[in-house]
Amino acid sequence: MIGQAETATGTATVTKRRWGELAPSWLALGMNVPTLICFVLILAYPIFFAGYLSFHEVGVRELRTGEYSFTGWANYAELFSDPVFWKSLKNTVLFVVISVVLEVVIGLAIALVINEHRVKLSKVTKFLILVPWAVPPIVNGFLWAFIFNTQFGYLNRLLYQLGFIEEQVIWLGNPSTAFMAIIIAYVWRTVPFNILLYHAALQGIPDHLYEAAELDRATVWEKFRYITLPLLRPIIAVTLILRTTFAFMIFDEIFAITQGGPGNDTWVAAWYTYKTSFNPPFDIGVGAASAYVLALIVGVVAIAYVRYVYKKVEY
């Protein structure tokens, strides 16, 4: 009886202590309050303020006085009537398609090579693929700008010594080659991201699947098609979403290599926003509208990827 009484007293004490504690939901909310405050101050406020500016006339005079006159949809109307904006948007879509395809194909090919234990250079390759990833984007842009330089660039020198060209090629003065230069510089910097993800996924594929395929006398292509590729589809879907989102925001290589030239042939959406907002006549309202349109496009593409790419992966 005494033992039962002591047990009952202990249970009551524990019950009282539990009543004094916060509910799990309130505790979770309290733990996340600092994160929510930082999110509001660092992300949410600038986003909503940019949306506010996109509906107002904002220039140098307005920034000095702090008085922004409401213009409604005038900034968006001016944006959609600008042929340079549509050209920038077209260049952005073209850049995204080409760069993402190259990233996936090249990244998967290199990941398959370094995953092959019989290739002696695979260990060296694992180290070298980290070098582009460690280079800051703006530094990467200046590096490739020097490589494509007409007079001092290593590309012209190498091609001339190999006998492929007889005179210097103006890579950054031709619209098609300038656009190609940006794609090469960007893919060189970003493809290691895909390689690392694909290589990690390849490490998780059980060896007995390939051993069983070898017993069935499957070819290299058949093993890749029926074993490797299906098991990599989820990670490929993830890289498609991430790389497409980041490719839409290409800016550093444009700034360092072409500055949007020649003319406006290498303008992209992010560069259009920058030039409109921070170059004369400093139309920040239109620039904010451009940024919101780009964000809307990226959001739609991301949702489409999640709904359709992931849906196919599940099958």
C-alpha atoms as a PDB file:
ATOM      1  CA  MET A   1       0.000   0.000   0.000  1.00  0.00           C
ATOM      2  CA  ILE A   2       2.817   2.358   0.873  1.00  0.00           C
ATOM      3  CA  GLY A   3       4.512   1.596  -2.428  1.00  0.00           C
ATOM      4  CA  GLN A   4       1.279   2.253  -4.297  1.00  0.00           C
ATOM      5  CA  ALA A   5       0.867   5.582  -2.513  1.00  0.00           C
ATOM      6  CA  GLU A   6       4.403   6.631  -3.369  1.00  0.00           C
ATOM      7  CA  THR A   7       3.831   5.642  -6.983  1.00  0.00           C
ATOM      8  CA  ALA A   8       0.616   7.649  -7.116  1.00  0.00           C
ATOM      9  CA  THR A   9       2.368  10.679  -5.603  1.00  0.00           C
ATOM     10  CA  GLY A  10       5.164  10.433  -8.161  1.00  0.00           C
ATOM     11  CA  THR A  11       2.669  10.174 -10.992  1.00  0.00           C
ATOM     12  CA  ALA A  12       0.825  13.240  -9.759  1.00  0.00           C
ATOM     13  CA  THR A  13       4.098  15.176  -9.571  1.00  0.00           C
ATOM     14  CA  VAL A  14       5.006  14.201 -13.117  1.00  0.00           C
ATOM     15  CA  THR A  15       1.507  15.133 -14.249  1.00  0.00           C
ATOM     16  CA  LYS A  16       1.828  18.563 -12.671  1.00  0.00           C
ATOM     17  CA  ARG A  17       5.182  19.116 -14.330  1.00  0.00           C
ATOM     18  CA  ARG A  18       3.729  18.143 -17.698  1.00  0.00           C
ATOM     19  CA  TRP A  19       0.849  20.556 -17.230  1.00  0.00           C
ATOM     20  CA  GLY A  20       3.388  23.317 -16.695  1.00  0.00           C
ATOM     21  CA  GLU A  21       5.165  22.621 -19.977  1.00  0.00           C
ATOM     22  CA  LEU A  22       4.315  24.187 -23.313  1.00  0.00           C
ATOM     23  CA  ALA A  23       2.409  22.214 -25.889  1.00  0.00           C
ATOM     24  CA  PRO A  24       4.604  20.804 -28.678  1.00  0.00           C
ATOM     25  CA  SER A  25       3.036  23.125 -31.257  1.00  0.00           C
ATOM     26  CA  TRP A  26       3.678  26.231 -29.143  1.00  0.00           C
ATOM     27  CA  LEU A  27       7.193  25.064 -28.346  1.00  0.00           C
ATOM     28  CA  ALA A  28       7.917  24.552 -32.044  1.00  0.00           C
ATOM     29  CA  LEU A  29       6.546  28.014 -32.805  1.00  0.00           C
ATOM     30  CA  GLY A  30       8.687  29.595 -30.100  1.00  0.00           C
ATOM     31  CA  MET A  31      11.804  27.841 -31.361  1.00  0.00           C
ATOM     32  CA  ASN A  32      11.153  29.093 -34.880  1.00  0.00           C
ATOM     33  CA  VAL A  33      10.388  32.710 -33.989  1.00  0.00           C
ATOM     34  CA  PRO A  34      14.011  33.916 -34.541  1.00  0.00           C
ATOM     35  CA  THR A  35      14.057  32.217 -37.945  1.00  0.00           C
ATOM     36  CA  LEU A  36      10.715  33.752 -38.886  1.00  0.00           C
ATOM     37  CA  ILE A  37      11.898  37.216 -37.838  1.00  0.00           C
ATOM     38  CA  CYS A  38      15.043  36.879 -39.946  1.00  0.00           C
ATOM     39  CA  PHE A  39      12.958  35.617 -42.864  1.00  0.00           C
ATOM     40  CA  VAL A  40      10.620  38.607 -42.660  1.00  0.00           C
ATOM     41  CA  LEU A  41      13.428  41.160 -42.372  1.00  0.00           C
ATOM     42  CA  ILE A  42      15.816  39.663 -44.933  1.00  0.00           C
ATOM     43  CA  LEU A  43      13.488  38.115 -47.532  1.00  0.00           C
ATOM     44  CA  ALA A  44       9.833  38.990 -47.127  1.00  0.00           C
ATOM     45  CA  TYR A  45      10.180  42.746 -46.644  1.00  0.00           C
ATOM     46  CA  PRO A  46      12.439  43.340 -49.697  1.00  0.00           C
ATOM     47  CA  ILE A  47      10.168  41.159 -51.845  1.00  0.00           C
ATOM     48  CA  PHE A  48       7.007  43.036 -50.885  1.00  0.00           C
ATOM     49  CA  PHE A  49       8.774  46.379 -51.125  1.00  0.00           C
ATOM     50  CA  ALA A  50       9.934  45.565 -54.645  1.00  0.00           C
ATOM     51  CA  GLY A  51       6.340  44.707 -55.490  1.00  0.00           C
ATOM     52  CA  TYR A  52       5.299  48.070 -54.069  1.00  0.00           C
ATOM     53  CA  LEU A  53       7.899  49.861 -56.203  1.00  0.00           C
ATOM     54  CA  SER A  54       6.716  48.086 -59.350  1.00  0.00           C
ATOM     55  CA  PHE A  55       3.415  49.997 -59.100  1.00  0.00           C
ATOM     56  CA  HIS A  56       5.046  53.395 -58.539  1.00  0.00           C
ATOM     57  CA  GLU A  57       7.238  55.819 -60.415  1.00  0.00           C
ATOM     58  CA  VAL A  58      10.681  55.467 -58.880  1.00  0.00           C
ATOM     59  CA  GLY A  59      13.695  57.399 -60.142  1.00  0.00           C
ATOM     60  CA  VAL A  60      16.581  59.374 -58.696  1.00  0.00           C
ATOM     61  CA  ARG A  61      14.342  62.289 -57.701  1.00  0.00           C
ATOM     62  CA  GLU A  62      11.827  59.995 -56.007  1.00  0.00           C
ATOM     63  CA  LEU A  63      14.583  58.196 -54.117  1.00  0.00           C
ATOM     64  CA  ARG A  64      15.851  61.512 -52.768  1.00  0.00           C
ATOM     65  CA  THR A  65      12.453  62.770 -51.676  1.00  0.00           C
ATOM     66  CA  GLY A  66      11.019  59.397 -50.650  1.00  0.00           C
ATOM     67  CA  GLU A  67       7.742  60.219 -52.425  1.00  0.00           C
ATOM     68  CA  TYR A  68       6.646  57.672 -55.011  1.00  0.00           C
ATOM     69  CA  SER A  69       3.668  58.498 -57.206  1.00  0.00           C
ATOM     70  CA  PHE A  70       1.309  55.605 -57.884  1.00  0.00           C
ATOM     71  CA  THR A  71       1.241  54.557 -61.551  1.00  0.00           C
ATOM     72  CA  GLY A  72      -0.820  51.375 -61.418  1.00  0.00           C
ATOM     73  CA  TRP A  73       0.049  48.940 -64.190  1.00  0.00           C
ATOM     74  CA  ALA A  74       1.968  51.569 -66.213  1.00  0.00           C
ATOM     75  CA  ASN A  75       5.377  50.045 -65.409  1.00  0.00           C
ATOM     76  CA  TYR A  76       4.221  46.617 -66.558  1.00  0.00           C
ATOM     77  CA  ALA A  77       2.681  48.102 -69.708  1.00  0.00           C
ATOM     78  CA  GLU A  78       5.966  49.856 -70.485  1.00  0.00           C
ATOM     79  CA  LEU A  79       7.836  46.634 -69.793  1.00  0.00           C
ATOM     80  CA  PHE A  80       5.722  44.509 -72.136  1.00  0.00           C
ATOM     81  CA  SER A  81       5.909  47.130 -74.884  1.00  0.00           C
ATOM     82  CA  ASP A  82       9.711  47.160 -74.828  1.00  0.00           C
ATOM     83  CA  PRO A  83      11.157  44.939 -77.605  1.00  0.00           C
ATOM     84  CA  VAL A  84      14.448  44.682 -75.698  1.00  0.00           C
ATOM     85  CA  PHE A  85      12.629  43.001 -72.818  1.00  0.00           C
ATOM     86  CA  TRP A  86      11.152  40.366 -75.113  1.00  0.00           C
ATOM     87  CA  LYS A  87      14.537  39.803 -76.692  1.00  0.00           C
ATOM     88  CA  SER A  88      16.071  39.429 -73.226  1.00  0.00           C
ATOM     89  CA  LEU A  89      13.359  36.958 -72.267  1.00  0.00           C
ATOM     90  CA  LYS A  90      13.926  34.965 -75.463  1.00  0.00           C
ATOM     91  CA  ASN A  91      17.677  34.859 -74.814  1.00  0.00           C
ATOM     92  CA  THR A  92      17.007  33.735 -71.235  1.00  0.00           C
ATOM     93  CA  VAL A  93      14.825  30.814 -72.318  1.00  0.00           C
ATOM     94  CA  LEU A  94      17.378  29.790 -74.966  1.00  0.00           C
ATOM     95  CA  PHE A  95      20.187  29.998 -72.435  1.00  0.00           C
ATOM     96  CA  VAL A  96      18.253  27.938 -69.864  1.00  0.00           C
ATOM     97  CA  VAL A  97      17.422  25.156 -72.327  1.00  0.00           C
ATOM     98  CA  ILE A  98      20.949  24.805 -73.723  1.00  0.00           C
ATOM     99  CA  SER A  99      22.801  25.159 -70.422  1.00  0.00           C
ATOM    100  CA  VAL A 100      20.563  22.777 -68.460  1.00  0.00           C
ATOM    101  CA  VAL A 101      20.765  20.092 -71.160  1.00  0.00           C
ATOM    102  CA  LEU A 102      24.550  20.400 -71.249  1.00  0.00           C
ATOM    103  CA  GLU A 103      24.800  20.299 -67.467  1.00  0.00           C
ATOM    104  CA  VAL A 104      22.739  17.115 -67.233  1.00  0.00           C
ATOM    105  CA  VAL A 105      24.448  15.305 -70.118  1.00  0.00           C
ATOM    106  CA  ILE A 106      28.022  16.301 -69.273  1.00  0.00           C
ATOM    107  CA  GLY A 107      27.480  15.846 -65.542  1.00  0.00           C
ATOM    108  CA  LEU A 108      26.043  12.354 -65.993  1.00  0.00           C
ATOM    109  CA  ALA A 109      28.803  11.330 -68.411  1.00  0.00           C
ATOM    110  CA  ILE A 110      31.599  12.445 -66.081  1.00  0.00           C
ATOM    111  CA  ALA A 111      29.869  10.883 -63.060  1.00  0.00           C
ATOM    112  CA  LEU A 112      29.736   7.531 -64.884  1.00  0.00           C
ATOM    113  CA  VAL A 113      33.457   7.791 -65.711  1.00  0.00           C
ATOM    114  CA  ILE A 114      34.642   8.620 -62.200  1.00  0.00           C
ATOM    115  CA  ASN A 115      32.347   5.944 -60.775  1.00  0.00           C
ATOM    116  CA  GLU A 116      34.119   3.307 -62.865  1.00  0.00           C
ATOM    117  CA  HIS A 117      36.842   1.776 -60.686  1.00  0.00           C
ATOM    118  CA  ARG A 118      38.715   0.418 -63.684  1.00  0.00           C
ATOM    119  CA  VAL A 119      39.466   3.952 -64.919  1.00  0.00           C
ATOM    120  CA  LYS A 120      42.783   4.919 -63.332  1.00  0.00           C
ATOM    121  CA  LEU A 121      42.223   8.660 -63.732  1.00  0.00           C
ATOM    122  CA  SER A 122      38.931   8.582 -61.829  1.00  0.00           C
ATOM    123  CA  LYS A 123      40.576   9.589 -58.519  1.00  0.00           C
ATOM    124  CA  VAL A 124      42.276  12.570 -60.148  1.00  0.00           C
ATOM    125  CA  THR A 125      39.012  13.552 -61.837  1.00  0.00           C
ATOM    126  CA  LYS A 126      37.173  13.539 -58.506  1.00  0.00           C
ATOM    127  CA  PHE A 127      39.567  16.206 -57.273  1.00  0.00           C
ATOM    128  CA  LEU A 128      39.565  18.304 -60.445  1.00  0.00           C
ATOM    129  CA  ILE A 129      35.776  18.572 -60.668  1.00  0.00           C
ATOM    130  CA  LEU A 130      35.752  20.558 -57.437  1.00  0.00           C
ATOM    131  CA  VAL A 131      37.954  23.307 -58.873  1.00  0.00           C
ATOM    132  CA  PRO A 132      35.284  25.052 -61.020  1.00  0.00           C
ATOM    133  CA  TRP A 133      32.783  24.780 -58.181  1.00  0.00           C
ATOM    134  CA  ALA A 134      35.182  26.629 -55.856  1.00  0.00           C
ATOM    135  CA  VAL A 135      35.621  29.581 -58.246  1.00  0.00           C
ATOM    136  CA  PRO A 136      33.318  32.554 -57.461  1.00  0.00           C
ATOM    137  CA  PRO A 137      30.908  33.343 -60.333  1.00  0.00           C
ATOM    138  CA  ILE A 138      32.298  36.801 -61.061  1.00  0.00           C
ATOM    139  CA  VAL A 139      35.878  35.492 -61.034  1.00  0.00           C
ATOM    140  CA  ASN A 140      34.813  32.707 -63.362  1.00  0.00           C
ATOM    141  CA  GLY A 141      33.377  35.305 -65.720  1.00  0.00           C
ATOM    142  CA  PHE A 142      36.565  37.369 -65.833  1.00  0.00           C
ATOM    143  CA  LEU A 143      38.597  34.188 -66.319  1.00  0.00           C
ATOM    144  CA  TRP A 144      36.640  33.182 -69.408  1.00  0.00           C
ATOM    145  CA  ALA A 145      36.574  36.772 -70.675  1.00  0.00           C
ATOM    146  CA  PHE A 146      40.366  36.602 -70.783  1.00  0.00           C
ATOM    147  CA  ILE A 147      40.271  33.188 -72.495  1.00  0.00           C
ATOM    148  CA  PHE A 148      37.972  34.526 -75.246  1.00  0.00           C
ATOM    149  CA  ASN A 149      39.888  37.787 -75.613  1.00  0.00           C
ATOM    150  CA  THR A 150      40.691  38.449 -79.274  1.00  0.00           C
ATOM    151  CA  GLN A 151      44.275  39.671 -78.877  1.00  0.00           C
ATOM    152  CA  PHE A 152      45.517  38.036 -75.684  1.00  0.00           C
ATOM    153  CA  GLY A 153      43.145  35.113 -75.192  1.00  0.00           C
ATOM    154  CA  TYR A 154      44.487  31.581 -74.894  1.00  0.00           C
ATOM    155  CA  LEU A 155      41.738  30.158 -77.101  1.00  0.00           C
ATOM    156  CA  ASN A 156      42.872  32.037 -80.205  1.00  0.00           C
ATOM    157  CA  ARG A 157      46.505  31.220 -79.452  1.00  0.00           C
ATOM    158  CA  LEU A 158      45.771  27.513 -79.023  1.00  0.00           C
ATOM    159  CA  LEU A 159      43.640  27.230 -82.155  1.00  0.00           C
ATOM    160  CA  TYR A 160      46.241  29.128 -84.179  1.00  0.00           C
ATOM    161  CA  GLN A 161      49.082  26.868 -83.021  1.00  0.00           C
ATOM    162  CA  LEU A 162      47.022  23.797 -83.837  1.00  0.00           C
ATOM    163  CA  GLY A 163      46.323  25.139 -87.318  1.00  0.00           C
ATOM    164  CA  PHE A 164      42.549  25.426 -86.945  1.00  0.00           C
ATOM    165  CA  ILE A 165      42.472  29.187 -87.625  1.00  0.00           C
ATOM    166  CA  GLU A 166      44.657  31.484 -89.717  1.00  0.00           C
ATOM    167  CA  GLU A 167      43.658  34.783 -88.087  1.00  0.00           C
ATOM    168  CA  GLN A 168      42.287  35.934 -84.779  1.00  0.00           C
ATOM    169  CA  VAL A 169      38.609  35.242 -84.142  1.00  0.00           C
ATOM    170  CA  ILE A 170      36.554  37.970 -82.481  1.00  0.00           C
ATOM    171  CA  TRP A 171      34.621  35.643 -80.190  1.00  0.00           C
ATOM    172  CA  LEU A 172      32.875  38.316 -78.125  1.00  0.00           C
ATOM    173  CA  GLY A 173      32.121  40.591 -81.086  1.00  0.00           C
ATOM    174  CA  ASN A 174      29.850  38.118 -82.859  1.00  0.00           C
ATOM    175  CA  PRO A 175      26.361  37.556 -81.353  1.00  0.00           C
ATOM    176  CA  SER A 176      26.348  33.780 -81.812  1.00  0.00           C
ATOM    177  CA  THR A 177      29.885  33.160 -80.523  1.00  0.00           C
ATOM    178  CA  ALA A 178      29.416  35.636 -77.650  1.00  0.00           C
ATOM    179  CA  PHE A 179      26.302  33.774 -76.536  1.00  0.00           C
ATOM    180  CA  MET A 180      28.190  30.495 -76.835  1.00  0.00           C
ATOM    181  CA  ALA A 181      31.010  31.903 -74.701  1.00  0.00           C
ATOM    182  CA  ILE A 182      28.581  32.720 -71.895  1.00  0.00           C
ATOM    183  CA  ILE A 183      27.073  29.237 -72.004  1.00  0.00           C
ATOM    184  CA  ILE A 184      30.506  27.578 -71.903  1.00  0.00           C
ATOM    185  CA  ALA A 185      31.638  29.714 -68.968  1.00  0.00           C
ATOM    186  CA  TYR A 186      28.441  29.078 -67.026  1.00  0.00           C
ATOM    187  CA  VAL A 187      28.325  25.325 -67.666  1.00  0.00           C
ATOM    188  CA  TRP A 188      32.011  24.963 -66.731  1.00  0.00           C
ATOM    189  CA  ARG A 189      31.250  26.501 -63.343  1.00  0.00           C
ATOM    190  CA  THR A 190      27.982  24.719 -62.581  1.00  0.00           C
ATOM    191  CA  VAL A 191      28.395  21.215 -64.000  1.00  0.00           C
ATOM    192  CA  PRO A 192      30.334  19.952 -60.906  1.00  0.00           C
ATOM    193  CA  PHE A 193      27.109  20.354 -58.916  1.00  0.00           C
ATOM    194  CA  ASN A 194      25.432  17.777 -61.161  1.00  0.00           C
ATOM    195  CA  ILE A 195      28.484  15.519 -61.118  1.00  0.00           C
ATOM    196  CA  LEU A 196      28.578  15.347 -57.332  1.00  0.00           C
ATOM    197  CA  LEU A 197      24.874  14.546 -57.070  1.00  0.00           C
ATOM    198  CA  TYR A 198      24.972  11.918 -59.809  1.00  0.00           C
ATOM    199  CA  HIS A 199      28.131  10.345 -58.402  1.00  0.00           C
ATOM    200  CA  ALA A 200      26.560  10.090 -54.941  1.00  0.00           C
ATOM    201  CA  ALA A 201      23.450   8.499 -56.462  1.00  0.00           C
ATOM    202  CA  LEU A 202      25.555   6.018 -58.433  1.00  0.00           C
ATOM    203  CA  GLN A 203      27.266   4.943 -55.228  1.00  0.00           C
ATOM    204  CA  GLY A 204      23.865   3.944 -53.854  1.00  0.00           C
ATOM    205  CA  ILE A 205      23.005   1.534 -56.689  1.00  0.00           C
ATOM    206  CA  PRO A 206      23.535  -2.070 -55.464  1.00  0.00           C
ATOM    207  CA  ASP A 207      26.307  -3.948 -57.272  1.00  0.00           C
ATOM    208  CA  HIS A 208      24.292  -7.146 -57.431  1.00  0.00           C
ATOM    209  CA  LEU A 209      21.999  -5.556 -60.008  1.00  0.00           C
ATOM    210  CA  TYR A 210      24.912  -5.147 -62.417  1.00  0.00           C
ATOM    211  CA  GLU A 211      26.208  -8.610 -61.549  1.00  0.00           C
ATOM    212  CA  ALA A 212      22.849 -10.139 -62.402  1.00  0.00           C
ATOM    213  CA  ALA A 213      22.802  -8.170 -65.668  1.00  0.00           C
ATOM    214  CA  GLU A 214      26.257  -9.490 -66.566  1.00  0.00           C
ATOM    215  CA  LEU A 215      25.055 -13.042 -65.981  1.00  0.00           C
ATOM    216  CA  ASP A 216      22.279 -12.322 -68.467  1.00  0.00           C
ATOM    217  CA  ARG A 217      24.951 -11.041 -70.890  1.00  0.00           C
ATOM    218  CA  ALA A 218      23.578  -7.516 -70.935  1.00  0.00           C
ATOM    219  CA  THR A 219      25.572  -4.916 -72.865  1.00  0.00           C
ATOM    220  CA  VAL A 220      26.893  -1.677 -71.361  1.00  0.00           C
ATOM    221  CA  TRP A 221      24.073   0.272 -72.992  1.00  0.00           C
ATOM    222  CA  GLU A 222      21.428  -2.154 -71.684  1.00  0.00           C
ATOM    223  CA  LYS A 223      22.767  -1.886 -68.140  1.00  0.00           C
ATOM    224  CA  PHE A 224      22.702   1.906 -68.377  1.00  0.00           C
ATOM    225  CA  ARG A 225      19.216   1.984 -69.891  1.00  0.00           C
ATOM    226  CA  TYR A 226      17.477  -0.545 -67.655  1.00  0.00           C
ATOM    227  CA  ILE A 227      19.396  -0.165 -64.367  1.00  0.00           C
ATOM    228  CA  THR A 228      21.364   3.067 -64.053  1.00  0.00           C
ATOM    229  CA  LEU A 229      19.036   5.532 -65.740  1.00  0.00           C
ATOM    230  CA  PRO A 230      15.785   4.429 -64.034  1.00  0.00           C
ATOM    231  CA  LEU A 231      17.427   4.569 -60.597  1.00  0.00           C
ATOM    232  CA  LEU A 232      18.878   8.017 -61.350  1.00  0.00           C
ATOM    233  CA  ARG A 233      15.601   9.524 -62.509  1.00  0.00           C
ATOM    234  CA  PRO A 234      14.686  11.034 -59.104  1.00  0.00           C
ATOM    235  CA  ILE A 235      18.034  12.811 -58.723  1.00  0.00           C
ATOM    236  CA  ILE A 236      17.932  13.940 -62.360  1.00  0.00           C
ATOM    237  CA  ALA A 237      14.507  15.457 -61.671  1.00  0.00           C
ATOM    238  CA  VAL A 238      15.934  17.340 -58.673  1.00  0.00           C
ATOM    239  CA  THR A 239      18.872  18.696 -60.683  1.00  0.00           C
ATOM    240  CA  LEU A 240      16.531  19.779 -63.477  1.00  0.00           C
ATOM    241  CA  ILE A 241      14.483  21.842 -61.039  1.00  0.00           C
ATOM    242  CA  LEU A 242      17.483  23.403 -59.289  1.00  0.00           C
ATOM    243  CA  ARG A 243      19.602  24.114 -62.348  1.00  0.00           C
ATOM    244  CA  THR A 244      16.673  25.538 -64.328  1.00  0.00           C
ATOM    245  CA  THR A 245      15.834  27.903 -61.483  1.00  0.00           C
ATOM    246  CA  PHE A 246      19.422  29.113 -61.156  1.00  0.00           C
ATOM    247  CA  ALA A 247      19.934  29.381 -64.930  1.00  0.00           C
ATOM    248  CA  PHE A 248      17.058  31.859 -65.175  1.00  0.00           C
ATOM    249  CA  MET A 249      19.034  34.164 -62.862  1.00  0.00           C
ATOM    250  CA  ILE A 250      22.268  34.192 -64.911  1.00  0.00           C
ATOM    251  CA  PHE A 251      24.013  37.509 -64.337  1.00  0.00           C
ATOM    252  CA  ASP A 252      27.674  37.264 -63.290  1.00  0.00           C
ATOM    253  CA  GLU A 253      29.002  35.812 -66.550  1.00  0.00           C
ATOM    254  CA  ILE A 254      27.044  38.410 -68.542  1.00  0.00           C
ATOM    255  CA  PHE A 255      28.494  41.202 -66.432  1.00  0.00           C
ATOM    256  CA  ALA A 256      32.084  39.955 -66.696  1.00  0.00           C
ATOM    257  CA  ILE A 257      32.233  38.654 -70.272  1.00  0.00           C
ATOM    258  CA  THR A 258      29.954  40.602 -72.634  1.00  0.00           C
ATOM    259  CA  GLN A 259      28.187  43.354 -70.647  1.00  0.00           C
ATOM    260  CA  GLY A 260      25.142  42.402 -72.716  1.00  0.00           C
ATOM    261  CA  GLY A 261      26.953  43.001 -76.003  1.00  0.00           C
ATOM    262  CA  PRO A 262      27.496  43.092 -78.849  1.00  0.00           C
ATOM    263  CA  GLY A 263      24.657  45.598 -78.845  1.00  0.00           C
ATOM    264  CA  ASN A 264      21.955  43.906 -76.802  1.00  0.00           C
ATOM    265  CA  ASP A 265      22.339  40.442 -78.340  1.00  0.00           C
ATOM    266  CA  THR A 266      23.338  38.756 -75.062  1.00  0.00           C
ATOM    267  CA  TRP A 267      20.877  40.544 -72.819  1.00  0.00           C
ATOM    268  CA  VAL A 268      18.985  38.230 -70.463  1.00  0.00           C
ATOM    269  CA  ALA A 269      16.143  38.954 -68.059  1.00  0.00           C
ATOM    270  CA  ALA A 270      18.347  39.551 -65.001  1.00  0.00           C
ATOM    271  CA  TRP A 271      20.661  41.819 -67.003  1.00  0.00           C
ATOM    272  CA  TYR A 272      17.649  43.763 -68.301  1.00  0.00           C
ATOM    273  CA  THR A 273      16.478  44.326 -64.730  1.00  0.00           C
ATOM    274  CA  TYR A 274      19.920  45.531 -63.698  1.00  0.00           C
ATOM    275  CA  LYS A 275      20.393  47.890 -66.656  1.00  0.00           C
ATOM    276  CA  THR A 276      16.905  49.323 -66.339  1.00  0.00           C
ATOM    277  CA  SER A 277      17.192  49.959 -62.619  1.00  0.00           C
ATOM    278  CA  PHE A 278      20.785  51.119 -62.165  1.00  0.00           C
ATOM    279  CA  ASN A 279      21.638  52.852 -65.424  1.00  0.00           C
ATOM    280  CA  PRO A 280      20.230  56.109 -66.794  1.00  0.00           C
ATOM    281  CA  PRO A 281      17.380  56.967 -66.615  1.00  0.00           C
ATOM    282  CA  PHE A 282      17.337  54.771 -63.440  1.00  0.00           C
ATOM    283  CA  ASP A 283      13.770  53.535 -63.866  1.00  0.00           C
ATOM    284  CA  ILE A 284      13.613  51.371 -60.748  1.00  0.00           C
ATOM    285  CA  GLY A 285       9.849  50.914 -61.034  1.00  0.00           C
ATOM    286  CA  VAL A 286      10.149  49.182 -64.402  1.00  0.00           C
ATOM    287  CA  GLY A 287      13.144  47.224 -63.112  1.00  0.00           C
ATOM    288  CA  ALA A 288      11.099  45.966 -60.161  1.00  0.00           C
ATOM    289  CA  ALA A 289       8.312  44.975 -62.534  1.00  0.00           C
ATOM    290  CA  SER A 290      10.839  43.072 -64.642  1.00  0.00           C
ATOM    291  CA  ALA A 291      12.128  41.262 -61.571  1.00  0.00           C
ATOM    292  CA  TYR A 292       8.606  40.243 -60.590  1.00  0.00           C
ATOM    293  CA  VAL A 293       7.849  38.926 -64.075  1.00  0.00           C
ATOM    294  CA  LEU A 294      11.037  36.861 -63.988  1.00  0.00           C
ATOM    295  CA  ALA A 295      10.158  35.518 -60.531  1.00  0.00           C
ATOM    296  CA  LEU A 296       6.691  34.576 -61.795  1.00  0.00           C
ATOM    297  CA  ILE A 297       8.175  32.693 -64.751  1.00  0.00           C
ATOM    298  CA  VAL A 298      10.622  30.833 -62.504  1.00  0.00           C
ATOM    299  CA  GLY A 299       7.787  29.928 -60.128  1.00  0.00           C
ATOM    300  CA  VAL A 300       5.611  28.581 -62.945  1.00  0.00           C
ATOM    301  CA  VAL A 301       8.484  26.522 -64.346  1.00  0.00           C
ATOM    302  CA  ALA A 302       9.322  25.122 -60.899  1.00  0.00           C
ATOM    303  CA  ILE A 303       5.699  24.133 -60.271  1.00  0.00           C
ATOM    304  CA  ALA A 304       5.485  22.513 -63.704  1.00  0.00           C
ATOM    305  CA  TYR A 305       8.639  20.527 -62.996  1.00  0.00           C
ATOM    306  CA  VAL A 306       7.343  19.352 -59.628  1.00  0.00           C
ATOM    307  CA  ARG A 307       3.953  18.331 -61.009  1.00  0.00           C
ATOM    308  CA  TYR A 308       5.024  16.661 -64.242  1.00  0.00           C
ATOM    309  CA  VAL A 309       8.642  15.563 -63.809  1.00  0.00           C
ATOM    310  CA  TYR A 310       8.087  14.087 -60.363  1.00  0.00           C
ATOM    311  CA  LYS A 311       4.862  12.503 -61.563  1.00  0.00           C
ATOM    312  CA  LYS A 312       6.735  10.679 -64.301  1.00  0.00           C
ATOM    313  CA  VAL A 313       9.474   9.684 -61.854  1.00  0.00           C
ATOM    314  CA  GLU A 314       6.907   7.947 -59.655  1.00  0.00           C
ATOM    315  CA  TYR A 315       5.949   5.731 -62.568  1.00  0.00           C
END
